[in-house]
Amino acid sequence: MSAQEGQAHAWQVVVAQPYDRGDPGDGVEETVLAAADEAEARRVFADTVATASEAGYAGVALRSSGRDVETWPQATGWTS
């Protein structure tokens, strides 16, 4: 695989599903839904966020080269 090919698929959409919905402290399992170029990954991310609550996802992340670029739910910065 060339370096350019590796860069083309450096984008991922990852969902987090709780191990135990009754115990959020039990952690989550991450699953890669898509590994694609940036445009396709952003499309899949938007589609996934639109249905994330109904699907029971604890979170959705758009990643580039291992770094979260966008996440759902978004951090608000507010503390209690």
Protein backbone atom coordinates (compact mmCIF):
# COMPACT_ATOMS: atom_id res chain seq x y z
CA MET A 1 0.00 0.00 0.00
CA SER A 2 1.39 3.39 -0.93
CA ALA A 3 1.52 6.28 1.54
CA GLN A 4 -1.17 8.06 -0.48
CA GLU A 5 -3.50 5.05 -0.26
CA GLY A 6 -2.96 4.91 3.50
CA GLN A 7 -3.86 8.60 3.78
CA ALA A 8 -7.01 8.12 1.69
CA HIS A 9 -8.44 5.72 4.27
CA ALA A 10 -7.09 7.41 7.38
CA TRP A 11 -10.66 8.47 8.27
CA GLN A 12 -12.93 6.29 10.43
CA VAL A 13 -16.40 6.47 11.91
CA VAL A 14 -16.47 4.70 15.27
CA VAL A 15 -19.49 3.97 17.48
CA ALA A 16 -19.43 3.17 21.18
CA GLN A 17 -21.99 0.76 22.60
CA PRO A 18 -22.33 0.20 26.35
CA TYR A 19 -21.50 -3.26 27.62
CA ASP A 20 -24.36 -2.92 30.12
CA ARG A 21 -27.01 -0.24 29.55
CA GLY A 22 -27.97 -0.50 33.21
CA ASP A 23 -24.43 0.28 34.38
CA PRO A 24 -22.74 3.08 32.42
CA GLY A 25 -19.63 2.61 34.54
CA ASP A 26 -19.13 -0.81 32.95
CA GLY A 27 -17.60 0.82 29.88
CA VAL A 28 -18.23 0.69 26.14
CA GLU A 29 -17.20 -1.38 23.17
CA GLU A 30 -16.01 0.54 20.11
CA THR A 31 -16.80 -0.64 16.59
CA VAL A 32 -15.51 0.87 13.34
CA LEU A 33 -18.50 1.42 11.06
CA ALA A 34 -16.54 2.88 8.15
CA ALA A 35 -12.98 3.42 7.02
CA ALA A 36 -13.03 5.73 4.03
CA ASP A 37 -11.82 8.97 2.53
CA GLU A 38 -12.76 12.17 4.35
CA ALA A 39 -15.91 13.00 2.34
CA GLU A 40 -17.42 9.52 2.73
CA ALA A 41 -16.47 9.32 6.42
CA ARG A 42 -18.12 12.68 7.11
CA ARG A 43 -21.29 11.51 5.31
CA VAL A 44 -21.41 8.28 7.33
CA PHE A 45 -20.72 10.22 10.55
CA ALA A 46 -23.63 12.62 9.89
CA ASP A 47 -25.99 9.74 9.03
CA THR A 48 -24.91 7.80 12.13
CA VAL A 49 -25.32 10.79 14.47
CA ALA A 50 -28.84 11.32 13.10
CA THR A 51 -29.87 7.86 14.31
CA ALA A 52 -27.45 7.40 17.24
CA SER A 53 -30.03 7.78 20.02
CA GLU A 54 -32.44 5.29 18.47
CA ALA A 55 -29.57 2.85 17.84
CA GLY A 56 -28.56 3.06 21.51
CA TYR A 57 -25.05 4.36 20.88
CA ALA A 58 -23.26 5.94 23.81
CA GLY A 59 -21.11 7.93 21.38
CA VAL A 60 -20.02 8.39 17.79
CA ALA A 61 -16.61 9.64 16.69
CA LEU A 62 -15.17 10.81 13.39
CA ARG A 63 -11.45 10.05 13.50
CA SER A 64 -8.56 11.03 11.30
CA SER A 65 -5.22 9.31 11.81
CA GLY A 66 -6.33 8.13 15.25
CA ARG A 67 -7.51 11.54 16.51
CA ASP A 68 -11.14 12.46 17.17
CA VAL A 69 -12.13 15.27 14.80
CA GLU A 70 -15.83 15.36 15.71
CA THR A 71 -17.81 13.53 18.37
CA TRP A 72 -21.39 12.96 19.43
CA PRO A 73 -22.63 13.83 21.91
CA GLN A 74 -20.67 17.05 21.85
CA ALA A 75 -18.91 18.13 25.02
CA THR A 76 -20.56 21.29 26.35
CA GLY A 77 -17.87 22.45 28.71
CA TRP A 78 -20.47 22.79 31.48
CA THR A 79 -19.81 21.10 34.79
CA SER A 80 -22.21 20.30 37.57
